C-alpha atoms as a PDB file:
ATOM      1  CA  UNK A   1     248.195 -15.820 138.175  1.00  0.00           C
ATOM      2  CA  UNK A   2     247.453 -16.110 141.937  1.00  0.00           C
ATOM      3  CA  UNK A   3     250.248 -13.746 142.670  1.00  0.00           C
ATOM      4  CA  UNK A   4     248.941 -11.058 139.820  1.00  0.00           C
ATOM      5  CA  UNK A   5     245.208 -11.129 141.221  1.00  0.00           C
ATOM      6  CA  UNK A   6     246.061 -10.410 144.736  1.00  0.00           C
ATOM      7  CA  UNK A   7     248.231  -7.875 144.360  1.00  0.00           C
ATOM      8  CA  UNK A   8     245.505  -6.153 141.859  1.00  0.00           C
ATOM      9  CA  UNK A   9     243.188  -6.741 144.924  1.00  0.00           C
ATOM     10  CA  UNK A  10     245.645  -5.239 147.362  1.00  0.00           C
ATOM     11  CA  UNK A  11     246.384  -1.980 144.814  1.00  0.00           C
ATOM     12  CA  UNK A  12     242.601  -1.403 144.029  1.00  0.00           C
ATOM     13  CA  UNK A  13     242.056  -1.294 147.999  1.00  0.00           C
ATOM     14  CA  UNK A  14     239.736  -4.320 148.086  1.00  0.00           C
ATOM     15  CA  UNK A  15     240.374  -5.951 151.190  1.00  0.00           C
ATOM     16  CA  UNK A  16     236.401  -5.778 151.206  1.00  0.00           C
ATOM     17  CA  UNK A  17     235.990  -3.150 153.260  1.00  0.00           C
ATOM     18  CA  UNK A  18     233.524  -1.840 150.511  1.00  0.00           C
ATOM     19  CA  UNK A  19     231.736  -5.486 150.595  1.00  0.00           C
ATOM     20  CA  UNK A  20     229.942  -6.892 153.108  1.00  0.00           C
ATOM     21  CA  UNK A  21     230.530 -10.535 155.023  1.00  0.00           C
ATOM     22  CA  UNK A  22     228.209 -11.162 157.193  1.00  0.00           C
ATOM     23  CA  UNK A  23     226.446 -14.481 159.194  1.00  0.00           C
ATOM     24  CA  UNK A  24     223.032 -12.952 159.243  1.00  0.00           C
ATOM     25  CA  UNK A  25     219.958 -15.474 159.579  1.00  0.00           C
ATOM     26  CA  UNK A  26     217.558 -12.501 160.071  1.00  0.00           C
ATOM     27  CA  UNK A  27     215.459 -10.536 157.152  1.00  0.00           C
ATOM     28  CA  UNK A  28     217.679  -7.213 157.433  1.00  0.00           C
ATOM     29  CA  UNK A  29     218.753  -7.796 153.781  1.00  0.00           C
ATOM     30  CA  UNK A  30     216.248  -9.281 152.320  1.00  0.00           C
ATOM     31  CA  UNK A  31     215.885  -8.333 148.448  1.00  0.00           C
ATOM     32  CA  UNK A  32     213.156  -8.411 146.169  1.00  0.00           C
ATOM     33  CA  UNK A  33     213.296 -11.621 144.047  1.00  0.00           C
ATOM     34  CA  UNK A  34     211.533 -11.637 140.861  1.00  0.00           C
ATOM     35  CA  UNK A  35     210.730 -14.919 139.353  1.00  0.00           C
ATOM     36  CA  UNK A  36     212.665 -15.791 136.336  1.00  0.00           C
ATOM     37  CA  UNK A  37     211.004 -16.173 133.020  1.00  0.00           C
ATOM     38  CA  UNK A  38     211.308 -19.312 130.814  1.00  0.00           C
ATOM     39  CA  UNK A  39     213.651 -17.997 128.513  1.00  0.00           C
ATOM     40  CA  UNK A  40     216.199 -16.516 131.411  1.00  0.00           C
ATOM     41  CA  UNK A  41     216.462 -20.482 132.540  1.00  0.00           C
ATOM     42  CA  UNK A  42     219.785 -21.886 131.183  1.00  0.00           C
ATOM     43  CA  UNK A  43     219.529 -25.011 133.107  1.00  0.00           C
ATOM     44  CA  UNK A  44     216.996 -26.643 135.329  1.00  0.00           C
ATOM     45  CA  UNK A  45     217.959 -30.134 137.089  1.00  0.00           C
ATOM     46  CA  UNK A  46     215.113 -31.563 139.608  1.00  0.00           C
ATOM     47  CA  UNK A  47     215.817 -35.462 138.638  1.00  0.00           C
ATOM     48  CA  UNK A  48     211.646 -36.130 138.019  1.00  0.00           C
ATOM     49  CA  UNK A  49     213.073 -38.248 135.677  1.00  0.00           C
ATOM     50  CA  UNK A  50     214.229 -41.116 138.544  1.00  0.00           C
ATOM     51  CA  UNK A  51     217.542 -40.928 136.726  1.00  0.00           C
ATOM     52  CA  UNK A  52     220.993 -39.424 138.356  1.00  0.00           C
ATOM     53  CA  UNK A  53     221.723 -37.107 135.282  1.00  0.00           C
ATOM     54  CA  UNK A  54     217.681 -35.655 135.348  1.00  0.00           C
ATOM     55  CA  UNK A  55     217.694 -36.875 132.027  1.00  0.00           C
ATOM     56  CA  UNK A  56     219.820 -34.375 130.750  1.00  0.00           C
ATOM     57  CA  UNK A  57     223.112 -35.866 128.406  1.00  0.00           C
ATOM     58  CA  UNK A  58     226.227 -34.586 129.404  1.00  0.00           C
ATOM     59  CA  UNK A  59     225.277 -34.393 132.880  1.00  0.00           C
ATOM     60  CA  UNK A  60     228.157 -36.349 134.818  1.00  0.00           C
ATOM     61  CA  UNK A  61     226.386 -38.650 138.235  1.00  0.00           C
ATOM     62  CA  UNK A  62     229.722 -39.378 139.396  1.00  0.00           C
ATOM     63  CA  UNK A  63     232.984 -40.584 138.923  1.00  0.00           C
ATOM     64  CA  UNK A  64     233.637 -42.808 141.978  1.00  0.00           C
ATOM     65  CA  UNK A  65     233.292 -46.080 141.307  1.00  0.00           C
ATOM     66  CA  UNK A  66     231.167 -47.446 144.077  1.00  0.00           C
ATOM     67  CA  UNK A  67     227.984 -48.677 143.773  1.00  0.00           C
ATOM     68  CA  UNK A  68     226.549 -46.663 145.719  1.00  0.00           C
ATOM     69  CA  UNK A  69     228.504 -43.285 145.216  1.00  0.00           C
ATOM     70  CA  UNK A  70     225.543 -41.849 143.438  1.00  0.00           C
ATOM     71  CA  UNK A  71     221.889 -43.025 143.588  1.00  0.00           C
ATOM     72  CA  UNK A  72     218.544 -41.271 143.160  1.00  0.00           C
ATOM     73  CA  UNK A  73     216.339 -41.129 146.005  1.00  0.00           C
ATOM     74  CA  UNK A  74     212.805 -39.867 146.842  1.00  0.00           C
ATOM     75  CA  UNK A  75     211.102 -37.292 148.156  1.00  0.00           C
ATOM     76  CA  UNK A  76     213.154 -34.185 146.827  1.00  0.00           C
ATOM     77  CA  UNK A  77     213.198 -30.901 147.924  1.00  0.00           C
ATOM     78  CA  UNK A  78     210.058 -29.599 145.921  1.00  0.00           C
ATOM     79  CA  UNK A  79     208.852 -32.898 143.635  1.00  0.00           C
ATOM     80  CA  UNK A  80     209.326 -37.059 144.022  1.00  0.00           C
ATOM     81  CA  UNK A  81     213.305 -37.221 143.673  1.00  0.00           C
ATOM     82  CA  UNK A  82     216.821 -35.661 144.574  1.00  0.00           C
ATOM     83  CA  UNK A  83     220.014 -36.615 144.055  1.00  0.00           C
ATOM     84  CA  UNK A  84     222.337 -38.540 146.448  1.00  0.00           C
ATOM     85  CA  UNK A  85     226.368 -38.823 147.114  1.00  0.00           C
ATOM     86  CA  UNK A  86     228.109 -40.835 149.303  1.00  0.00           C
ATOM     87  CA  UNK A  87     231.696 -40.770 150.116  1.00  0.00           C
ATOM     88  CA  UNK A  88     233.590 -42.969 152.723  1.00  0.00           C
ATOM     89  CA  UNK A  89     237.239 -41.780 153.842  1.00  0.00           C
ATOM     90  CA  UNK A  90     239.737 -44.626 153.174  1.00  0.00           C
ATOM     91  CA  UNK A  91     237.557 -46.631 150.366  1.00  0.00           C
ATOM     92  CA  UNK A  92     239.066 -46.402 147.234  1.00  0.00           C
ATOM     93  CA  UNK A  93     235.652 -47.312 145.715  1.00  0.00           C
ATOM     94  CA  UNK A  94     234.840 -43.658 146.388  1.00  0.00           C
ATOM     95  CA  UNK A  95     238.485 -42.262 145.372  1.00  0.00           C
ATOM     96  CA  UNK A  96     237.911 -40.133 142.033  1.00  0.00           C
ATOM     97  CA  UNK A  97     239.926 -37.256 140.136  1.00  0.00           C
ATOM     98  CA  UNK A  98     242.809 -37.666 142.590  1.00  0.00           C
ATOM     99  CA  UNK A  99     240.387 -37.268 146.059  1.00  0.00           C
ATOM    100  CA  UNK A 100     237.908 -39.199 148.428  1.00  0.00           C
ATOM    101  CA  UNK A 101     234.727 -37.495 146.288  1.00  0.00           C
ATOM    102  CA  UNK A 102     231.375 -38.152 144.665  1.00  0.00           C
ATOM    103  CA  UNK A 103     230.378 -35.124 142.485  1.00  0.00           C
ATOM    104  CA  UNK A 104     228.243 -34.649 139.685  1.00  0.00           C
ATOM    105  CA  UNK A 105     228.969 -32.091 136.973  1.00  0.00           C
ATOM    106  CA  UNK A 106     228.151 -30.135 133.830  1.00  0.00           C
ATOM    107  CA  UNK A 107     231.748 -29.315 132.947  1.00  0.00           C
ATOM    108  CA  UNK A 108     231.349 -30.997 129.089  1.00  0.00           C
ATOM    109  CA  UNK A 109     228.278 -28.805 128.266  1.00  0.00           C
ATOM    110  CA  UNK A 110     229.382 -25.442 127.117  1.00  0.00           C
ATOM    111  CA  UNK A 111     225.887 -23.728 127.351  1.00  0.00           C
ATOM    112  CA  UNK A 112     226.280 -24.534 131.100  1.00  0.00           C
ATOM    113  CA  UNK A 113     229.661 -23.097 131.315  1.00  0.00           C
ATOM    114  CA  UNK A 114     230.423 -19.428 132.566  1.00  0.00           C
ATOM    115  CA  UNK A 115     232.562 -17.111 130.930  1.00  0.00           C
ATOM    116  CA  UNK A 116     233.990 -13.376 131.436  1.00  0.00           C
ATOM    117  CA  UNK A 117     231.021 -11.236 131.166  1.00  0.00           C
ATOM    118  CA  UNK A 118     228.420 -13.587 132.060  1.00  0.00           C
ATOM    119  CA  UNK A 119     226.009 -12.477 135.043  1.00  0.00           C
ATOM    120  CA  UNK A 120     224.193 -15.718 136.532  1.00  0.00           C
ATOM    121  CA  UNK A 121     222.240 -17.057 139.432  1.00  0.00           C
ATOM    122  CA  UNK A 122     222.842 -20.341 140.575  1.00  0.00           C
ATOM    123  CA  UNK A 123     220.249 -22.239 143.258  1.00  0.00           C
ATOM    124  CA  UNK A 124     220.621 -25.544 144.581  1.00  0.00           C
ATOM    125  CA  UNK A 125     218.767 -26.836 147.461  1.00  0.00           C
ATOM    126  CA  UNK A 126     221.098 -29.442 149.868  1.00  0.00           C
ATOM    127  CA  UNK A 127     219.880 -31.886 152.388  1.00  0.00           C
ATOM    128  CA  UNK A 128     222.958 -32.982 155.325  1.00  0.00           C
ATOM    129  CA  UNK A 129     221.721 -36.688 155.592  1.00  0.00           C
ATOM    130  CA  UNK A 130     222.516 -38.027 158.741  1.00  0.00           C
ATOM    131  CA  UNK A 131     225.483 -35.624 159.038  1.00  0.00           C
ATOM    132  CA  UNK A 132     227.401 -36.056 162.103  1.00  0.00           C
ATOM    133  CA  UNK A 133     228.752 -33.156 164.068  1.00  0.00           C
ATOM    134  CA  UNK A 134     231.681 -32.168 164.514  1.00  0.00           C
ATOM    135  CA  UNK A 135     234.118 -33.359 167.505  1.00  0.00           C
ATOM    136  CA  UNK A 136     236.045 -30.705 168.942  1.00  0.00           C
ATOM    137  CA  UNK A 137     239.168 -33.242 169.885  1.00  0.00           C
ATOM    138  CA  UNK A 138     240.002 -33.319 165.933  1.00  0.00           C
ATOM    139  CA  UNK A 139     241.047 -31.358 163.215  1.00  0.00           C
ATOM    140  CA  UNK A 140     238.499 -29.119 161.027  1.00  0.00           C
ATOM    141  CA  UNK A 141     238.412 -31.032 158.293  1.00  0.00           C
ATOM    142  CA  UNK A 142     236.213 -29.464 155.411  1.00  0.00           C
ATOM    143  CA  UNK A 143     233.499 -31.025 153.439  1.00  0.00           C
ATOM    144  CA  UNK A 144     232.142 -29.776 150.044  1.00  0.00           C
ATOM    145  CA  UNK A 145     228.595 -29.551 148.952  1.00  0.00           C
ATOM    146  CA  UNK A 146     228.672 -27.230 146.002  1.00  0.00           C
ATOM    147  CA  UNK A 147     231.558 -25.664 143.818  1.00  0.00           C
ATOM    148  CA  UNK A 148     231.516 -23.017 141.510  1.00  0.00           C
ATOM    149  CA  UNK A 149     234.838 -23.887 139.646  1.00  0.00           C
ATOM    150  CA  UNK A 150     237.213 -23.283 137.359  1.00  0.00           C
ATOM    151  CA  UNK A 151     238.497 -25.765 134.653  1.00  0.00           C
ATOM    152  CA  UNK A 152     242.235 -25.541 135.673  1.00  0.00           C
ATOM    153  CA  UNK A 153     241.565 -26.214 139.273  1.00  0.00           C
ATOM    154  CA  UNK A 154     243.757 -23.503 140.723  1.00  0.00           C
ATOM    155  CA  UNK A 155     242.144 -20.422 142.301  1.00  0.00           C
ATOM    156  CA  UNK A 156     237.978 -21.591 143.061  1.00  0.00           C
ATOM    157  CA  UNK A 157     235.774 -18.663 142.965  1.00  0.00           C
ATOM    158  CA  UNK A 158     233.463 -20.762 145.515  1.00  0.00           C
ATOM    159  CA  UNK A 159     232.806 -23.669 147.343  1.00  0.00           C
ATOM    160  CA  UNK A 160     230.310 -24.535 150.010  1.00  0.00           C
ATOM    161  CA  UNK A 161     231.238 -26.695 152.580  1.00  0.00           C
ATOM    162  CA  UNK A 162     230.638 -28.084 156.160  1.00  0.00           C
ATOM    163  CA  UNK A 163     233.473 -27.016 158.999  1.00  0.00           C
ATOM    164  CA  UNK A 164     233.502 -27.555 162.217  1.00  0.00           C
ATOM    165  CA  UNK A 165     229.728 -27.106 162.752  1.00  0.00           C
ATOM    166  CA  UNK A 166     229.136 -24.240 160.616  1.00  0.00           C
ATOM    167  CA  UNK A 167     228.188 -24.126 156.463  1.00  0.00           C
ATOM    168  CA  UNK A 168     231.106 -21.472 154.965  1.00  0.00           C
ATOM    169  CA  UNK A 169     231.704 -19.921 152.128  1.00  0.00           C
ATOM    170  CA  UNK A 170     234.833 -20.141 150.906  1.00  0.00           C
ATOM    171  CA  UNK A 171     236.936 -18.668 147.705  1.00  0.00           C
ATOM    172  CA  UNK A 172     240.668 -18.096 146.511  1.00  0.00           C
ATOM    173  CA  UNK A 173     241.033 -15.390 149.310  1.00  0.00           C
ATOM    174  CA  UNK A 174     237.876 -15.743 151.834  1.00  0.00           C
ATOM    175  CA  UNK A 175     235.794 -17.695 154.242  1.00  0.00           C
ATOM    176  CA  UNK A 176     232.735 -16.619 155.932  1.00  0.00           C
ATOM    177  CA  UNK A 177     230.099 -18.088 157.777  1.00  0.00           C
ATOM    178  CA  UNK A 178     226.659 -18.894 155.702  1.00  0.00           C
ATOM    179  CA  UNK A 179     225.199 -20.819 158.766  1.00  0.00           C
ATOM    180  CA  UNK A 180     226.750 -20.490 162.019  1.00  0.00           C
ATOM    181  CA  UNK A 181     225.365 -24.021 163.143  1.00  0.00           C
ATOM    182  CA  UNK A 182     223.686 -26.195 160.634  1.00  0.00           C
ATOM    183  CA  UNK A 183     223.007 -29.031 163.356  1.00  0.00           C
ATOM    184  CA  UNK A 184     219.457 -27.803 164.184  1.00  0.00           C
ATOM    185  CA  UNK A 185     218.683 -28.168 160.273  1.00  0.00           C
ATOM    186  CA  UNK A 186     220.394 -31.926 159.522  1.00  0.00           C
ATOM    187  CA  UNK A 187     218.104 -33.961 157.491  1.00  0.00           C
ATOM    188  CA  UNK A 188     216.518 -31.031 156.149  1.00  0.00           C
ATOM    189  CA  UNK A 189     216.213 -29.233 152.718  1.00  0.00           C
ATOM    190  CA  UNK A 190     218.353 -25.869 152.863  1.00  0.00           C
ATOM    191  CA  UNK A 191     218.391 -23.715 149.670  1.00  0.00           C
ATOM    192  CA  UNK A 192     221.125 -21.592 148.703  1.00  0.00           C
ATOM    193  CA  UNK A 193     220.743 -18.494 145.981  1.00  0.00           C
ATOM    194  CA  UNK A 194     224.216 -17.484 144.470  1.00  0.00           C
ATOM    195  CA  UNK A 195     224.199 -14.351 141.674  1.00  0.00           C
ATOM    196  CA  UNK A 196     227.147 -13.749 140.319  1.00  0.00           C
ATOM    197  CA  UNK A 197     228.738 -11.565 137.614  1.00  0.00           C
ATOM    198  CA  UNK A 198     232.045 -13.082 136.163  1.00  0.00           C
ATOM    199  CA  UNK A 199     234.661 -10.931 135.746  1.00  0.00           C
ATOM    200  CA  UNK A 200     238.214 -10.914 135.447  1.00  0.00           C
ATOM    201  CA  UNK A 201     238.528  -7.208 137.143  1.00  0.00           C
ATOM    202  CA  UNK A 202     236.935  -5.153 139.508  1.00  0.00           C
ATOM    203  CA  UNK A 203     233.549  -4.875 137.829  1.00  0.00           C
ATOM    204  CA  UNK A 204     232.849  -8.261 139.413  1.00  0.00           C
ATOM    205  CA  UNK A 205     230.271  -9.410 142.366  1.00  0.00           C
ATOM    206  CA  UNK A 206     228.860 -12.294 144.216  1.00  0.00           C
ATOM    207  CA  UNK A 207     225.917 -12.657 146.285  1.00  0.00           C
ATOM    208  CA  UNK A 208     224.950 -15.388 148.772  1.00  0.00           C
ATOM    209  CA  UNK A 209     221.506 -16.015 149.990  1.00  0.00           C
ATOM    210  CA  UNK A 210     219.995 -19.040 152.230  1.00  0.00           C
ATOM    211  CA  UNK A 211     216.658 -20.260 153.066  1.00  0.00           C
ATOM    212  CA  UNK A 212     216.876 -22.166 156.161  1.00  0.00           C
ATOM    213  CA  UNK A 213     213.566 -24.490 156.475  1.00  0.00           C
ATOM    214  CA  UNK A 214     211.827 -22.139 159.420  1.00  0.00           C
ATOM    215  CA  UNK A 215     212.451 -19.057 156.787  1.00  0.00           C
ATOM    216  CA  UNK A 216     209.765 -17.747 154.722  1.00  0.00           C
ATOM    217  CA  UNK A 217     212.510 -16.459 152.042  1.00  0.00           C
ATOM    218  CA  UNK A 218     216.035 -16.333 151.039  1.00  0.00           C
ATOM    219  CA  UNK A 219     218.225 -13.873 153.125  1.00  0.00           C
ATOM    220  CA  UNK A 220     221.343 -12.227 151.964  1.00  0.00           C
ATOM    221  CA  UNK A 221     224.017 -13.550 154.524  1.00  0.00           C
ATOM    222  CA  UNK A 222     226.836 -12.901 152.148  1.00  0.00           C
ATOM    223  CA  UNK A 223     227.878 -10.359 149.587  1.00  0.00           C
ATOM    224  CA  UNK A 224     231.319  -9.178 147.668  1.00  0.00           C
ATOM    225  CA  UNK A 225     231.494  -5.764 145.644  1.00  0.00           C
ATOM    226  CA  UNK A 226     234.327  -4.815 143.112  1.00  0.00           C
ATOM    227  CA  UNK A 227     235.298  -7.931 143.116  1.00  0.00           C
ATOM    228  CA  UNK A 228     237.462 -10.766 140.633  1.00  0.00           C
ATOM    229  CA  UNK A 229     235.247 -13.409 140.404  1.00  0.00           C
ATOM    230  CA  UNK A 230     236.323 -15.373 137.142  1.00  0.00           C
ATOM    231  CA  UNK A 231     239.901 -16.282 137.923  1.00  0.00           C
ATOM    232  CA  UNK A 232     241.153 -18.638 135.170  1.00  0.00           C
ATOM    233  CA  UNK A 233     242.291 -17.445 131.700  1.00  0.00           C
ATOM    234  CA  UNK A 234     240.134 -17.719 128.973  1.00  0.00           C
ATOM    235  CA  UNK A 235     243.363 -17.479 126.413  1.00  0.00           C
ATOM    236  CA  UNK A 236     244.365 -20.539 127.405  1.00  0.00           C
ATOM    237  CA  UNK A 237     240.863 -22.252 127.187  1.00  0.00           C
ATOM    238  CA  UNK A 238     239.741 -22.474 130.802  1.00  0.00           C
ATOM    239  CA  UNK A 239     236.404 -22.397 131.423  1.00  0.00           C
ATOM    240  CA  UNK A 240     233.758 -21.982 134.626  1.00  0.00           C
ATOM    241  CA  UNK A 241     231.360 -24.593 135.426  1.00  0.00           C
ATOM    242  CA  UNK A 242     229.509 -25.804 138.620  1.00  0.00           C
ATOM    243  CA  UNK A 243     229.951 -29.321 140.681  1.00  0.00           C
ATOM    244  CA  UNK A 244     227.636 -30.768 143.395  1.00  0.00           C
ATOM    245  CA  UNK A 245     227.801 -33.773 145.503  1.00  0.00           C
ATOM    246  CA  UNK A 246     230.313 -34.455 148.310  1.00  0.00           C
ATOM    247  CA  UNK A 247     234.136 -33.740 148.243  1.00  0.00           C
ATOM    248  CA  UNK A 248     235.874 -34.760 151.249  1.00  0.00           C
ATOM    249  CA  UNK A 249     239.061 -32.869 153.093  1.00  0.00           C
ATOM    250  CA  UNK A 250     241.181 -34.919 154.964  1.00  0.00           C
ATOM    251  CA  UNK A 251     244.809 -34.680 156.417  1.00  0.00           C
ATOM    252  CA  UNK A 252     247.323 -37.411 155.216  1.00  0.00           C
ATOM    253  CA  UNK A 253     250.136 -39.820 157.385  1.00  0.00           C
ATOM    254  CA  UNK A 254     253.705 -39.416 156.312  1.00  0.00           C
ATOM    255  CA  UNK A 255     253.137 -42.393 153.539  1.00  0.00           C
ATOM    256  CA  UNK A 256     250.208 -40.120 152.150  1.00  0.00           C
ATOM    257  CA  UNK A 257     247.623 -42.307 153.240  1.00  0.00           C
ATOM    258  CA  UNK A 258     244.433 -40.527 154.866  1.00  0.00           C
ATOM    259  CA  UNK A 259     244.173 -40.378 157.853  1.00  0.00           C
ATOM    260  CA  UNK A 260     240.830 -41.928 158.803  1.00  0.00           C
ATOM    261  CA  UNK A 261     241.095 -42.035 162.969  1.00  0.00           C
ATOM    262  CA  UNK A 262     240.303 -38.830 163.567  1.00  0.00           C
ATOM    263  CA  UNK A 263     237.340 -37.994 161.073  1.00  0.00           C
ATOM    264  CA  UNK A 264     233.955 -38.740 160.339  1.00  0.00           C
ATOM    265  CA  UNK A 265     234.441 -41.630 157.469  1.00  0.00           C
ATOM    266  CA  UNK A 266     230.801 -41.688 155.926  1.00  0.00           C
ATOM    267  CA  UNK A 267     229.314 -38.268 154.635  1.00  0.00           C
ATOM    268  CA  UNK A 268     226.118 -38.446 152.463  1.00  0.00           C
ATOM    269  CA  UNK A 269     224.555 -35.222 150.884  1.00  0.00           C
ATOM    270  CA  UNK A 270     221.093 -34.725 148.571  1.00  0.00           C
ATOM    271  CA  UNK A 271     221.117 -32.128 146.467  1.00  0.00           C
ATOM    272  CA  UNK A 272     217.669 -31.153 144.626  1.00  0.00           C
ATOM    273  CA  UNK A 273     216.329 -27.757 142.257  1.00  0.00           C
ATOM    274  CA  UNK A 274     219.798 -26.914 140.474  1.00  0.00           C
ATOM    275  CA  UNK A 275     219.285 -24.238 138.603  1.00  0.00           C
ATOM    276  CA  UNK A 276     221.223 -21.502 136.469  1.00  0.00           C
ATOM    277  CA  UNK A 277     219.103 -18.450 135.406  1.00  0.00           C
ATOM    278  CA  UNK A 278     220.256 -15.237 133.417  1.00  0.00           C
ATOM    279  CA  UNK A 279     220.513 -12.060 134.970  1.00  0.00           C
ATOM    280  CA  UNK A 280     219.448  -9.585 135.101  1.00  0.00           C
ATOM    281  CA  UNK A 281     215.713 -11.079 134.966  1.00  0.00           C
ATOM    282  CA  UNK A 282     213.384  -9.719 132.122  1.00  0.00           C
END
């Protein structure tokens, strides 16, 4: 499927010369933002229940067995509570689903999934807790903090991760900076807004906005138009869903064990105000 998608994009000339990939953090591309009506909101997780599921039956807190892999922390981004995920490389109590990760998800709940034809806004607030900066003497491994996924785990529509000292967006073809240097914002809430038309052809789009702690509103930092966004196959039951938490990328030794000597061992991220909103707003 990957070969077919890439060939199709190449044939259509969608090397994204028609799109915009930028790392601007000024207000030059600010678009008017409408507030969603109550019936536009599909999912609203704010953790004010004090539970790692935010009181929503079917939301996963984590699959990692460590007692502190997931917890509720205070204060949150806009309220009393948020969720905290922790992962330590090389410690198997933070290993789940084939990787060192601790992530929440909504995959079991059909009403929170996405399929071709859906048009959604996703919002999330993220705090990088005591996030150690990248040591340039070490490899530039990535740490994922938010994902829009396919259930076949093949071509992912979007991952937001830290790499080197930047926050980047990565999809099945491209990687772009969203924040060129996150270090001034460690231990502060960063807000992300992603707008997507889910499509298996060139009618799709994805826009990513960021609101830094010192900014008064969201700014458009990445836009892709005429873009395949739904990369799975509904014919075989593939669905899209969102995940948030910490997923560690790491190097491997010859025996398959994780290289820990050149990595920051422990990562903790807080998440709050996770929303899915139906577009266009009415």
